Amino acid sequence: AAFEGAAKTSGAKGVHVFVPIAGG
């Protein structure tokens, strides 16, 4: 979809992927 995101461990058992949106 021509998107990019960043990943982090959830600190529990999973992974979170964040995608910043211009202007919200």
PDBML (XML) file of the C-alpha atoms, coordinates in Angstrom:
<?xml version="1.0" encoding="UTF-8" ?>
<PDBx:datablock datablockName="MODEL"
   xmlns:PDBx="http://pdbml.pdb.org/schema/pdbx-v50.xsd"
   xmlns:xsi="http://www.w3.org/2001/XMLSchema-instance"
   xsi:schemaLocation="http://pdbml.pdb.org/schema/pdbx-v50.xsd pdbx-v50.xsd">
   <PDBx:atom_siteCategory>
      <PDBx:atom_site id="1">
         <PDBx:B_iso_or_equiv>0.00</PDBx:B_iso_or_equiv>
         <PDBx:Cartn_x>0.000</PDBx:Cartn_x>
         <PDBx:Cartn_y>0.000</PDBx:Cartn_y>
         <PDBx:Cartn_z>0.000</PDBx:Cartn_z>
         <PDBx:auth_asym_id>A</PDBx:auth_asym_id>
         <PDBx:auth_atom_id>CA</PDBx:auth_atom_id>
         <PDBx:auth_comp_id>ALA</PDBx:auth_comp_id>
         <PDBx:auth_seq_id>1</PDBx:auth_seq_id>
         <PDBx:group_PDB>ATOM</PDBx:group_PDB>
         <PDBx:label_alt_id xsi:nil="true" />
         <PDBx:label_asym_id>A</PDBx:label_asym_id>
         <PDBx:label_atom_id>CA</PDBx:label_atom_id>
         <PDBx:label_comp_id>ALA</PDBx:label_comp_id>
         <PDBx:label_entity_id>1</PDBx:label_entity_id>
         <PDBx:label_seq_id>1</PDBx:label_seq_id>
         <PDBx:occupancy>1.00</PDBx:occupancy>
         <PDBx:pdbx_PDB_model_num>1</PDBx:pdbx_PDB_model_num>
         <PDBx:type_symbol>C</PDBx:type_symbol>
      </PDBx:atom_site>
      <PDBx:atom_site id="2">
         <PDBx:B_iso_or_equiv>0.00</PDBx:B_iso_or_equiv>
         <PDBx:Cartn_x>3.119</PDBx:Cartn_x>
         <PDBx:Cartn_y>2.212</PDBx:Cartn_y>
         <PDBx:Cartn_z>-0.295</PDBx:Cartn_z>
         <PDBx:auth_asym_id>A</PDBx:auth_asym_id>
         <PDBx:auth_atom_id>CA</PDBx:auth_atom_id>
         <PDBx:auth_comp_id>ALA</PDBx:auth_comp_id>
         <PDBx:auth_seq_id>2</PDBx:auth_seq_id>
         <PDBx:group_PDB>ATOM</PDBx:group_PDB>
         <PDBx:label_alt_id xsi:nil="true" />
         <PDBx:label_asym_id>A</PDBx:label_asym_id>
         <PDBx:label_atom_id>CA</PDBx:label_atom_id>
         <PDBx:label_comp_id>ALA</PDBx:label_comp_id>
         <PDBx:label_entity_id>1</PDBx:label_entity_id>
         <PDBx:label_seq_id>2</PDBx:label_seq_id>
         <PDBx:occupancy>1.00</PDBx:occupancy>
         <PDBx:pdbx_PDB_model_num>1</PDBx:pdbx_PDB_model_num>
         <PDBx:type_symbol>C</PDBx:type_symbol>
      </PDBx:atom_site>
      <PDBx:atom_site id="3">
         <PDBx:B_iso_or_equiv>0.00</PDBx:B_iso_or_equiv>
         <PDBx:Cartn_x>3.255</PDBx:Cartn_x>
         <PDBx:Cartn_y>2.500</PDBx:Cartn_y>
         <PDBx:Cartn_z>3.488</PDBx:Cartn_z>
         <PDBx:auth_asym_id>A</PDBx:auth_asym_id>
         <PDBx:auth_atom_id>CA</PDBx:auth_atom_id>
         <PDBx:auth_comp_id>PHE</PDBx:auth_comp_id>
         <PDBx:auth_seq_id>3</PDBx:auth_seq_id>
         <PDBx:group_PDB>ATOM</PDBx:group_PDB>
         <PDBx:label_alt_id xsi:nil="true" />
         <PDBx:label_asym_id>A</PDBx:label_asym_id>
         <PDBx:label_atom_id>CA</PDBx:label_atom_id>
         <PDBx:label_comp_id>PHE</PDBx:label_comp_id>
         <PDBx:label_entity_id>1</PDBx:label_entity_id>
         <PDBx:label_seq_id>3</PDBx:label_seq_id>
         <PDBx:occupancy>1.00</PDBx:occupancy>
         <PDBx:pdbx_PDB_model_num>1</PDBx:pdbx_PDB_model_num>
         <PDBx:type_symbol>C</PDBx:type_symbol>
      </PDBx:atom_site>
      <PDBx:atom_site id="4">
         <PDBx:B_iso_or_equiv>0.00</PDBx:B_iso_or_equiv>
         <PDBx:Cartn_x>6.017</PDBx:Cartn_x>
         <PDBx:Cartn_y>2.070</PDBx:Cartn_y>
         <PDBx:Cartn_z>6.057</PDBx:Cartn_z>
         <PDBx:auth_asym_id>A</PDBx:auth_asym_id>
         <PDBx:auth_atom_id>CA</PDBx:auth_atom_id>
         <PDBx:auth_comp_id>GLU</PDBx:auth_comp_id>
         <PDBx:auth_seq_id>4</PDBx:auth_seq_id>
         <PDBx:group_PDB>ATOM</PDBx:group_PDB>
         <PDBx:label_alt_id xsi:nil="true" />
         <PDBx:label_asym_id>A</PDBx:label_asym_id>
         <PDBx:label_atom_id>CA</PDBx:label_atom_id>
         <PDBx:label_comp_id>GLU</PDBx:label_comp_id>
         <PDBx:label_entity_id>1</PDBx:label_entity_id>
         <PDBx:label_seq_id>4</PDBx:label_seq_id>
         <PDBx:occupancy>1.00</PDBx:occupancy>
         <PDBx:pdbx_PDB_model_num>1</PDBx:pdbx_PDB_model_num>
         <PDBx:type_symbol>C</PDBx:type_symbol>
      </PDBx:atom_site>
      <PDBx:atom_site id="5">
         <PDBx:B_iso_or_equiv>0.00</PDBx:B_iso_or_equiv>
         <PDBx:Cartn_x>5.889</PDBx:Cartn_x>
         <PDBx:Cartn_y>1.373</PDBx:Cartn_y>
         <PDBx:Cartn_z>9.776</PDBx:Cartn_z>
         <PDBx:auth_asym_id>A</PDBx:auth_asym_id>
         <PDBx:auth_atom_id>CA</PDBx:auth_atom_id>
         <PDBx:auth_comp_id>GLY</PDBx:auth_comp_id>
         <PDBx:auth_seq_id>5</PDBx:auth_seq_id>
         <PDBx:group_PDB>ATOM</PDBx:group_PDB>
         <PDBx:label_alt_id xsi:nil="true" />
         <PDBx:label_asym_id>A</PDBx:label_asym_id>
         <PDBx:label_atom_id>CA</PDBx:label_atom_id>
         <PDBx:label_comp_id>GLY</PDBx:label_comp_id>
         <PDBx:label_entity_id>1</PDBx:label_entity_id>
         <PDBx:label_seq_id>5</PDBx:label_seq_id>
         <PDBx:occupancy>1.00</PDBx:occupancy>
         <PDBx:pdbx_PDB_model_num>1</PDBx:pdbx_PDB_model_num>
         <PDBx:type_symbol>C</PDBx:type_symbol>
      </PDBx:atom_site>
      <PDBx:atom_site id="6">
         <PDBx:B_iso_or_equiv>0.00</PDBx:B_iso_or_equiv>
         <PDBx:Cartn_x>8.122</PDBx:Cartn_x>
         <PDBx:Cartn_y>0.874</PDBx:Cartn_y>
         <PDBx:Cartn_z>12.799</PDBx:Cartn_z>
         <PDBx:auth_asym_id>A</PDBx:auth_asym_id>
         <PDBx:auth_atom_id>CA</PDBx:auth_atom_id>
         <PDBx:auth_comp_id>ALA</PDBx:auth_comp_id>
         <PDBx:auth_seq_id>6</PDBx:auth_seq_id>
         <PDBx:group_PDB>ATOM</PDBx:group_PDB>
         <PDBx:label_alt_id xsi:nil="true" />
         <PDBx:label_asym_id>A</PDBx:label_asym_id>
         <PDBx:label_atom_id>CA</PDBx:label_atom_id>
         <PDBx:label_comp_id>ALA</PDBx:label_comp_id>
         <PDBx:label_entity_id>1</PDBx:label_entity_id>
         <PDBx:label_seq_id>6</PDBx:label_seq_id>
         <PDBx:occupancy>1.00</PDBx:occupancy>
         <PDBx:pdbx_PDB_model_num>1</PDBx:pdbx_PDB_model_num>
         <PDBx:type_symbol>C</PDBx:type_symbol>
      </PDBx:atom_site>
      <PDBx:atom_site id="7">
         <PDBx:B_iso_or_equiv>0.00</PDBx:B_iso_or_equiv>
         <PDBx:Cartn_x>8.115</PDBx:Cartn_x>
         <PDBx:Cartn_y>-2.141</PDBx:Cartn_y>
         <PDBx:Cartn_z>15.107</PDBx:Cartn_z>
         <PDBx:auth_asym_id>A</PDBx:auth_asym_id>
         <PDBx:auth_atom_id>CA</PDBx:auth_atom_id>
         <PDBx:auth_comp_id>ALA</PDBx:auth_comp_id>
         <PDBx:auth_seq_id>7</PDBx:auth_seq_id>
         <PDBx:group_PDB>ATOM</PDBx:group_PDB>
         <PDBx:label_alt_id xsi:nil="true" />
         <PDBx:label_asym_id>A</PDBx:label_asym_id>
         <PDBx:label_atom_id>CA</PDBx:label_atom_id>
         <PDBx:label_comp_id>ALA</PDBx:label_comp_id>
         <PDBx:label_entity_id>1</PDBx:label_entity_id>
         <PDBx:label_seq_id>7</PDBx:label_seq_id>
         <PDBx:occupancy>1.00</PDBx:occupancy>
         <PDBx:pdbx_PDB_model_num>1</PDBx:pdbx_PDB_model_num>
         <PDBx:type_symbol>C</PDBx:type_symbol>
      </PDBx:atom_site>
      <PDBx:atom_site id="8">
         <PDBx:B_iso_or_equiv>0.00</PDBx:B_iso_or_equiv>
         <PDBx:Cartn_x>8.610</PDBx:Cartn_x>
         <PDBx:Cartn_y>-2.675</PDBx:Cartn_y>
         <PDBx:Cartn_z>18.820</PDBx:Cartn_z>
         <PDBx:auth_asym_id>A</PDBx:auth_asym_id>
         <PDBx:auth_atom_id>CA</PDBx:auth_atom_id>
         <PDBx:auth_comp_id>LYS</PDBx:auth_comp_id>
         <PDBx:auth_seq_id>8</PDBx:auth_seq_id>
         <PDBx:group_PDB>ATOM</PDBx:group_PDB>
         <PDBx:label_alt_id xsi:nil="true" />
         <PDBx:label_asym_id>A</PDBx:label_asym_id>
         <PDBx:label_atom_id>CA</PDBx:label_atom_id>
         <PDBx:label_comp_id>LYS</PDBx:label_comp_id>
         <PDBx:label_entity_id>1</PDBx:label_entity_id>
         <PDBx:label_seq_id>8</PDBx:label_seq_id>
         <PDBx:occupancy>1.00</PDBx:occupancy>
         <PDBx:pdbx_PDB_model_num>1</PDBx:pdbx_PDB_model_num>
         <PDBx:type_symbol>C</PDBx:type_symbol>
      </PDBx:atom_site>
      <PDBx:atom_site id="9">
         <PDBx:B_iso_or_equiv>0.00</PDBx:B_iso_or_equiv>
         <PDBx:Cartn_x>8.228</PDBx:Cartn_x>
         <PDBx:Cartn_y>-5.569</PDBx:Cartn_y>
         <PDBx:Cartn_z>21.176</PDBx:Cartn_z>
         <PDBx:auth_asym_id>A</PDBx:auth_asym_id>
         <PDBx:auth_atom_id>CA</PDBx:auth_atom_id>
         <PDBx:auth_comp_id>THR</PDBx:auth_comp_id>
         <PDBx:auth_seq_id>9</PDBx:auth_seq_id>
         <PDBx:group_PDB>ATOM</PDBx:group_PDB>
         <PDBx:label_alt_id xsi:nil="true" />
         <PDBx:label_asym_id>A</PDBx:label_asym_id>
         <PDBx:label_atom_id>CA</PDBx:label_atom_id>
         <PDBx:label_comp_id>THR</PDBx:label_comp_id>
         <PDBx:label_entity_id>1</PDBx:label_entity_id>
         <PDBx:label_seq_id>9</PDBx:label_seq_id>
         <PDBx:occupancy>1.00</PDBx:occupancy>
         <PDBx:pdbx_PDB_model_num>1</PDBx:pdbx_PDB_model_num>
         <PDBx:type_symbol>C</PDBx:type_symbol>
      </PDBx:atom_site>
      <PDBx:atom_site id="10">
         <PDBx:B_iso_or_equiv>0.00</PDBx:B_iso_or_equiv>
         <PDBx:Cartn_x>5.035</PDBx:Cartn_x>
         <PDBx:Cartn_y>-5.236</PDBx:Cartn_y>
         <PDBx:Cartn_z>23.182</PDBx:Cartn_z>
         <PDBx:auth_asym_id>A</PDBx:auth_asym_id>
         <PDBx:auth_atom_id>CA</PDBx:auth_atom_id>
         <PDBx:auth_comp_id>SER</PDBx:auth_comp_id>
         <PDBx:auth_seq_id>10</PDBx:auth_seq_id>
         <PDBx:group_PDB>ATOM</PDBx:group_PDB>
         <PDBx:label_alt_id xsi:nil="true" />
         <PDBx:label_asym_id>A</PDBx:label_asym_id>
         <PDBx:label_atom_id>CA</PDBx:label_atom_id>
         <PDBx:label_comp_id>SER</PDBx:label_comp_id>
         <PDBx:label_entity_id>1</PDBx:label_entity_id>
         <PDBx:label_seq_id>10</PDBx:label_seq_id>
         <PDBx:occupancy>1.00</PDBx:occupancy>
         <PDBx:pdbx_PDB_model_num>1</PDBx:pdbx_PDB_model_num>
         <PDBx:type_symbol>C</PDBx:type_symbol>
      </PDBx:atom_site>
      <PDBx:atom_site id="11">
         <PDBx:B_iso_or_equiv>0.00</PDBx:B_iso_or_equiv>
         <PDBx:Cartn_x>6.992</PDBx:Cartn_x>
         <PDBx:Cartn_y>-6.132</PDBx:Cartn_y>
         <PDBx:Cartn_z>26.297</PDBx:Cartn_z>
         <PDBx:auth_asym_id>A</PDBx:auth_asym_id>
         <PDBx:auth_atom_id>CA</PDBx:auth_atom_id>
         <PDBx:auth_comp_id>GLY</PDBx:auth_comp_id>
         <PDBx:auth_seq_id>11</PDBx:auth_seq_id>
         <PDBx:group_PDB>ATOM</PDBx:group_PDB>
         <PDBx:label_alt_id xsi:nil="true" />
         <PDBx:label_asym_id>A</PDBx:label_asym_id>
         <PDBx:label_atom_id>CA</PDBx:label_atom_id>
         <PDBx:label_comp_id>GLY</PDBx:label_comp_id>
         <PDBx:label_entity_id>1</PDBx:label_entity_id>
         <PDBx:label_seq_id>11</PDBx:label_seq_id>
         <PDBx:occupancy>1.00</PDBx:occupancy>
         <PDBx:pdbx_PDB_model_num>1</PDBx:pdbx_PDB_model_num>
         <PDBx:type_symbol>C</PDBx:type_symbol>
      </PDBx:atom_site>
      <PDBx:atom_site id="12">
         <PDBx:B_iso_or_equiv>0.00</PDBx:B_iso_or_equiv>
         <PDBx:Cartn_x>4.639</PDBx:Cartn_x>
         <PDBx:Cartn_y>-9.081</PDBx:Cartn_y>
         <PDBx:Cartn_z>26.769</PDBx:Cartn_z>
         <PDBx:auth_asym_id>A</PDBx:auth_asym_id>
         <PDBx:auth_atom_id>CA</PDBx:auth_atom_id>
         <PDBx:auth_comp_id>ALA</PDBx:auth_comp_id>
         <PDBx:auth_seq_id>12</PDBx:auth_seq_id>
         <PDBx:group_PDB>ATOM</PDBx:group_PDB>
         <PDBx:label_alt_id xsi:nil="true" />
         <PDBx:label_asym_id>A</PDBx:label_asym_id>
         <PDBx:label_atom_id>CA</PDBx:label_atom_id>
         <PDBx:label_comp_id>ALA</PDBx:label_comp_id>
         <PDBx:label_entity_id>1</PDBx:label_entity_id>
         <PDBx:label_seq_id>12</PDBx:label_seq_id>
         <PDBx:occupancy>1.00</PDBx:occupancy>
         <PDBx:pdbx_PDB_model_num>1</PDBx:pdbx_PDB_model_num>
         <PDBx:type_symbol>C</PDBx:type_symbol>
      </PDBx:atom_site>
      <PDBx:atom_site id="13">
         <PDBx:B_iso_or_equiv>0.00</PDBx:B_iso_or_equiv>
         <PDBx:Cartn_x>4.469</PDBx:Cartn_x>
         <PDBx:Cartn_y>-11.779</PDBx:Cartn_y>
         <PDBx:Cartn_z>24.080</PDBx:Cartn_z>
         <PDBx:auth_asym_id>A</PDBx:auth_asym_id>
         <PDBx:auth_atom_id>CA</PDBx:auth_atom_id>
         <PDBx:auth_comp_id>LYS</PDBx:auth_comp_id>
         <PDBx:auth_seq_id>13</PDBx:auth_seq_id>
         <PDBx:group_PDB>ATOM</PDBx:group_PDB>
         <PDBx:label_alt_id xsi:nil="true" />
         <PDBx:label_asym_id>A</PDBx:label_asym_id>
         <PDBx:label_atom_id>CA</PDBx:label_atom_id>
         <PDBx:label_comp_id>LYS</PDBx:label_comp_id>
         <PDBx:label_entity_id>1</PDBx:label_entity_id>
         <PDBx:label_seq_id>13</PDBx:label_seq_id>
         <PDBx:occupancy>1.00</PDBx:occupancy>
         <PDBx:pdbx_PDB_model_num>1</PDBx:pdbx_PDB_model_num>
         <PDBx:type_symbol>C</PDBx:type_symbol>
      </PDBx:atom_site>
      <PDBx:atom_site id="14">
         <PDBx:B_iso_or_equiv>0.00</PDBx:B_iso_or_equiv>
         <PDBx:Cartn_x>3.807</PDBx:Cartn_x>
         <PDBx:Cartn_y>-9.869</PDBx:Cartn_y>
         <PDBx:Cartn_z>20.871</PDBx:Cartn_z>
         <PDBx:auth_asym_id>A</PDBx:auth_asym_id>
         <PDBx:auth_atom_id>CA</PDBx:auth_atom_id>
         <PDBx:auth_comp_id>GLY</PDBx:auth_comp_id>
         <PDBx:auth_seq_id>14</PDBx:auth_seq_id>
         <PDBx:group_PDB>ATOM</PDBx:group_PDB>
         <PDBx:label_alt_id xsi:nil="true" />
         <PDBx:label_asym_id>A</PDBx:label_asym_id>
         <PDBx:label_atom_id>CA</PDBx:label_atom_id>
         <PDBx:label_comp_id>GLY</PDBx:label_comp_id>
         <PDBx:label_entity_id>1</PDBx:label_entity_id>
         <PDBx:label_seq_id>14</PDBx:label_seq_id>
         <PDBx:occupancy>1.00</PDBx:occupancy>
         <PDBx:pdbx_PDB_model_num>1</PDBx:pdbx_PDB_model_num>
         <PDBx:type_symbol>C</PDBx:type_symbol>
      </PDBx:atom_site>
      <PDBx:atom_site id="15">
         <PDBx:B_iso_or_equiv>0.00</PDBx:B_iso_or_equiv>
         <PDBx:Cartn_x>4.848</PDBx:Cartn_x>
         <PDBx:Cartn_y>-7.133</PDBx:Cartn_y>
         <PDBx:Cartn_z>18.486</PDBx:Cartn_z>
         <PDBx:auth_asym_id>A</PDBx:auth_asym_id>
         <PDBx:auth_atom_id>CA</PDBx:auth_atom_id>
         <PDBx:auth_comp_id>VAL</PDBx:auth_comp_id>
         <PDBx:auth_seq_id>15</PDBx:auth_seq_id>
         <PDBx:group_PDB>ATOM</PDBx:group_PDB>
         <PDBx:label_alt_id xsi:nil="true" />
         <PDBx:label_asym_id>A</PDBx:label_asym_id>
         <PDBx:label_atom_id>CA</PDBx:label_atom_id>
         <PDBx:label_comp_id>VAL</PDBx:label_comp_id>
         <PDBx:label_entity_id>1</PDBx:label_entity_id>
         <PDBx:label_seq_id>15</PDBx:label_seq_id>
         <PDBx:occupancy>1.00</PDBx:occupancy>
         <PDBx:pdbx_PDB_model_num>1</PDBx:pdbx_PDB_model_num>
         <PDBx:type_symbol>C</PDBx:type_symbol>
      </PDBx:atom_site>
      <PDBx:atom_site id="16">
         <PDBx:B_iso_or_equiv>0.00</PDBx:B_iso_or_equiv>
         <PDBx:Cartn_x>3.377</PDBx:Cartn_x>
         <PDBx:Cartn_y>-3.699</PDBx:Cartn_y>
         <PDBx:Cartn_z>17.754</PDBx:Cartn_z>
         <PDBx:auth_asym_id>A</PDBx:auth_asym_id>
         <PDBx:auth_atom_id>CA</PDBx:auth_atom_id>
         <PDBx:auth_comp_id>HIS</PDBx:auth_comp_id>
         <PDBx:auth_seq_id>16</PDBx:auth_seq_id>
         <PDBx:group_PDB>ATOM</PDBx:group_PDB>
         <PDBx:label_alt_id xsi:nil="true" />
         <PDBx:label_asym_id>A</PDBx:label_asym_id>
         <PDBx:label_atom_id>CA</PDBx:label_atom_id>
         <PDBx:label_comp_id>HIS</PDBx:label_comp_id>
         <PDBx:label_entity_id>1</PDBx:label_entity_id>
         <PDBx:label_seq_id>16</PDBx:label_seq_id>
         <PDBx:occupancy>1.00</PDBx:occupancy>
         <PDBx:pdbx_PDB_model_num>1</PDBx:pdbx_PDB_model_num>
         <PDBx:type_symbol>C</PDBx:type_symbol>
      </PDBx:atom_site>
      <PDBx:atom_site id="17">
         <PDBx:B_iso_or_equiv>0.00</PDBx:B_iso_or_equiv>
         <PDBx:Cartn_x>3.659</PDBx:Cartn_x>
         <PDBx:Cartn_y>-2.011</PDBx:Cartn_y>
         <PDBx:Cartn_z>14.357</PDBx:Cartn_z>
         <PDBx:auth_asym_id>A</PDBx:auth_asym_id>
         <PDBx:auth_atom_id>CA</PDBx:auth_atom_id>
         <PDBx:auth_comp_id>VAL</PDBx:auth_comp_id>
         <PDBx:auth_seq_id>17</PDBx:auth_seq_id>
         <PDBx:group_PDB>ATOM</PDBx:group_PDB>
         <PDBx:label_alt_id xsi:nil="true" />
         <PDBx:label_asym_id>A</PDBx:label_asym_id>
         <PDBx:label_atom_id>CA</PDBx:label_atom_id>
         <PDBx:label_comp_id>VAL</PDBx:label_comp_id>
         <PDBx:label_entity_id>1</PDBx:label_entity_id>
         <PDBx:label_seq_id>17</PDBx:label_seq_id>
         <PDBx:occupancy>1.00</PDBx:occupancy>
         <PDBx:pdbx_PDB_model_num>1</PDBx:pdbx_PDB_model_num>
         <PDBx:type_symbol>C</PDBx:type_symbol>
      </PDBx:atom_site>
      <PDBx:atom_site id="18">
         <PDBx:B_iso_or_equiv>0.00</PDBx:B_iso_or_equiv>
         <PDBx:Cartn_x>3.081</PDBx:Cartn_x>
         <PDBx:Cartn_y>1.776</PDBx:Cartn_y>
         <PDBx:Cartn_z>14.252</PDBx:Cartn_z>
         <PDBx:auth_asym_id>A</PDBx:auth_asym_id>
         <PDBx:auth_atom_id>CA</PDBx:auth_atom_id>
         <PDBx:auth_comp_id>PHE</PDBx:auth_comp_id>
         <PDBx:auth_seq_id>18</PDBx:auth_seq_id>
         <PDBx:group_PDB>ATOM</PDBx:group_PDB>
         <PDBx:label_alt_id xsi:nil="true" />
         <PDBx:label_asym_id>A</PDBx:label_asym_id>
         <PDBx:label_atom_id>CA</PDBx:label_atom_id>
         <PDBx:label_comp_id>PHE</PDBx:label_comp_id>
         <PDBx:label_entity_id>1</PDBx:label_entity_id>
         <PDBx:label_seq_id>18</PDBx:label_seq_id>
         <PDBx:occupancy>1.00</PDBx:occupancy>
         <PDBx:pdbx_PDB_model_num>1</PDBx:pdbx_PDB_model_num>
         <PDBx:type_symbol>C</PDBx:type_symbol>
      </PDBx:atom_site>
      <PDBx:atom_site id="19">
         <PDBx:B_iso_or_equiv>0.00</PDBx:B_iso_or_equiv>
         <PDBx:Cartn_x>2.406</PDBx:Cartn_x>
         <PDBx:Cartn_y>3.732</PDBx:Cartn_y>
         <PDBx:Cartn_z>11.043</PDBx:Cartn_z>
         <PDBx:auth_asym_id>A</PDBx:auth_asym_id>
         <PDBx:auth_atom_id>CA</PDBx:auth_atom_id>
         <PDBx:auth_comp_id>VAL</PDBx:auth_comp_id>
         <PDBx:auth_seq_id>19</PDBx:auth_seq_id>
         <PDBx:group_PDB>ATOM</PDBx:group_PDB>
         <PDBx:label_alt_id xsi:nil="true" />
         <PDBx:label_asym_id>A</PDBx:label_asym_id>
         <PDBx:label_atom_id>CA</PDBx:label_atom_id>
         <PDBx:label_comp_id>VAL</PDBx:label_comp_id>
         <PDBx:label_entity_id>1</PDBx:label_entity_id>
         <PDBx:label_seq_id>19</PDBx:label_seq_id>
         <PDBx:occupancy>1.00</PDBx:occupancy>
         <PDBx:pdbx_PDB_model_num>1</PDBx:pdbx_PDB_model_num>
         <PDBx:type_symbol>C</PDBx:type_symbol>
      </PDBx:atom_site>
      <PDBx:atom_site id="20">
         <PDBx:B_iso_or_equiv>0.00</PDBx:B_iso_or_equiv>
         <PDBx:Cartn_x>2.596</PDBx:Cartn_x>
         <PDBx:Cartn_y>7.545</PDBx:Cartn_y>
         <PDBx:Cartn_z>11.392</PDBx:Cartn_z>
         <PDBx:auth_asym_id>A</PDBx:auth_asym_id>
         <PDBx:auth_atom_id>CA</PDBx:auth_atom_id>
         <PDBx:auth_comp_id>PRO</PDBx:auth_comp_id>
         <PDBx:auth_seq_id>20</PDBx:auth_seq_id>
         <PDBx:group_PDB>ATOM</PDBx:group_PDB>
         <PDBx:label_alt_id xsi:nil="true" />
         <PDBx:label_asym_id>A</PDBx:label_asym_id>
         <PDBx:label_atom_id>CA</PDBx:label_atom_id>
         <PDBx:label_comp_id>PRO</PDBx:label_comp_id>
         <PDBx:label_entity_id>1</PDBx:label_entity_id>
         <PDBx:label_seq_id>20</PDBx:label_seq_id>
         <PDBx:occupancy>1.00</PDBx:occupancy>
         <PDBx:pdbx_PDB_model_num>1</PDBx:pdbx_PDB_model_num>
         <PDBx:type_symbol>C</PDBx:type_symbol>
      </PDBx:atom_site>
      <PDBx:atom_site id="21">
         <PDBx:B_iso_or_equiv>0.00</PDBx:B_iso_or_equiv>
         <PDBx:Cartn_x>-0.133</PDBx:Cartn_x>
         <PDBx:Cartn_y>9.427</PDBx:Cartn_y>
         <PDBx:Cartn_z>9.520</PDBx:Cartn_z>
         <PDBx:auth_asym_id>A</PDBx:auth_asym_id>
         <PDBx:auth_atom_id>CA</PDBx:auth_atom_id>
         <PDBx:auth_comp_id>ILE</PDBx:auth_comp_id>
         <PDBx:auth_seq_id>21</PDBx:auth_seq_id>
         <PDBx:group_PDB>ATOM</PDBx:group_PDB>
         <PDBx:label_alt_id xsi:nil="true" />
         <PDBx:label_asym_id>A</PDBx:label_asym_id>
         <PDBx:label_atom_id>CA</PDBx:label_atom_id>
         <PDBx:label_comp_id>ILE</PDBx:label_comp_id>
         <PDBx:label_entity_id>1</PDBx:label_entity_id>
         <PDBx:label_seq_id>21</PDBx:label_seq_id>
         <PDBx:occupancy>1.00</PDBx:occupancy>
         <PDBx:pdbx_PDB_model_num>1</PDBx:pdbx_PDB_model_num>
         <PDBx:type_symbol>C</PDBx:type_symbol>
      </PDBx:atom_site>
      <PDBx:atom_site id="22">
         <PDBx:B_iso_or_equiv>0.00</PDBx:B_iso_or_equiv>
         <PDBx:Cartn_x>0.483</PDBx:Cartn_x>
         <PDBx:Cartn_y>12.888</PDBx:Cartn_y>
         <PDBx:Cartn_z>8.093</PDBx:Cartn_z>
         <PDBx:auth_asym_id>A</PDBx:auth_asym_id>
         <PDBx:auth_atom_id>CA</PDBx:auth_atom_id>
         <PDBx:auth_comp_id>ALA</PDBx:auth_comp_id>
         <PDBx:auth_seq_id>22</PDBx:auth_seq_id>
         <PDBx:group_PDB>ATOM</PDBx:group_PDB>
         <PDBx:label_alt_id xsi:nil="true" />
         <PDBx:label_asym_id>A</PDBx:label_asym_id>
         <PDBx:label_atom_id>CA</PDBx:label_atom_id>
         <PDBx:label_comp_id>ALA</PDBx:label_comp_id>
         <PDBx:label_entity_id>1</PDBx:label_entity_id>
         <PDBx:label_seq_id>22</PDBx:label_seq_id>
         <PDBx:occupancy>1.00</PDBx:occupancy>
         <PDBx:pdbx_PDB_model_num>1</PDBx:pdbx_PDB_model_num>
         <PDBx:type_symbol>C</PDBx:type_symbol>
      </PDBx:atom_site>
      <PDBx:atom_site id="23">
         <PDBx:B_iso_or_equiv>0.00</PDBx:B_iso_or_equiv>
         <PDBx:Cartn_x>-1.793</PDBx:Cartn_x>
         <PDBx:Cartn_y>15.407</PDBx:Cartn_y>
         <PDBx:Cartn_z>9.765</PDBx:Cartn_z>
         <PDBx:auth_asym_id>A</PDBx:auth_asym_id>
         <PDBx:auth_atom_id>CA</PDBx:auth_atom_id>
         <PDBx:auth_comp_id>GLY</PDBx:auth_comp_id>
         <PDBx:auth_seq_id>23</PDBx:auth_seq_id>
         <PDBx:group_PDB>ATOM</PDBx:group_PDB>
         <PDBx:label_alt_id xsi:nil="true" />
         <PDBx:label_asym_id>A</PDBx:label_asym_id>
         <PDBx:label_atom_id>CA</PDBx:label_atom_id>
         <PDBx:label_comp_id>GLY</PDBx:label_comp_id>
         <PDBx:label_entity_id>1</PDBx:label_entity_id>
         <PDBx:label_seq_id>23</PDBx:label_seq_id>
         <PDBx:occupancy>1.00</PDBx:occupancy>
         <PDBx:pdbx_PDB_model_num>1</PDBx:pdbx_PDB_model_num>
         <PDBx:type_symbol>C</PDBx:type_symbol>
      </PDBx:atom_site>
      <PDBx:atom_site id="24">
         <PDBx:B_iso_or_equiv>0.00</PDBx:B_iso_or_equiv>
         <PDBx:Cartn_x>-3.509</PDBx:Cartn_x>
         <PDBx:Cartn_y>12.609</PDBx:Cartn_y>
         <PDBx:Cartn_z>11.658</PDBx:Cartn_z>
         <PDBx:auth_asym_id>A</PDBx:auth_asym_id>
         <PDBx:auth_atom_id>CA</PDBx:auth_atom_id>
         <PDBx:auth_comp_id>GLY</PDBx:auth_comp_id>
         <PDBx:auth_seq_id>24</PDBx:auth_seq_id>
         <PDBx:group_PDB>ATOM</PDBx:group_PDB>
         <PDBx:label_alt_id xsi:nil="true" />
         <PDBx:label_asym_id>A</PDBx:label_asym_id>
         <PDBx:label_atom_id>CA</PDBx:label_atom_id>
         <PDBx:label_comp_id>GLY</PDBx:label_comp_id>
         <PDBx:label_entity_id>1</PDBx:label_entity_id>
         <PDBx:label_seq_id>24</PDBx:label_seq_id>
         <PDBx:occupancy>1.00</PDBx:occupancy>
         <PDBx:pdbx_PDB_model_num>1</PDBx:pdbx_PDB_model_num>
         <PDBx:type_symbol>C</PDBx:type_symbol>
      </PDBx:atom_site>
   </PDBx:atom_siteCategory>
</PDBx:datablock>
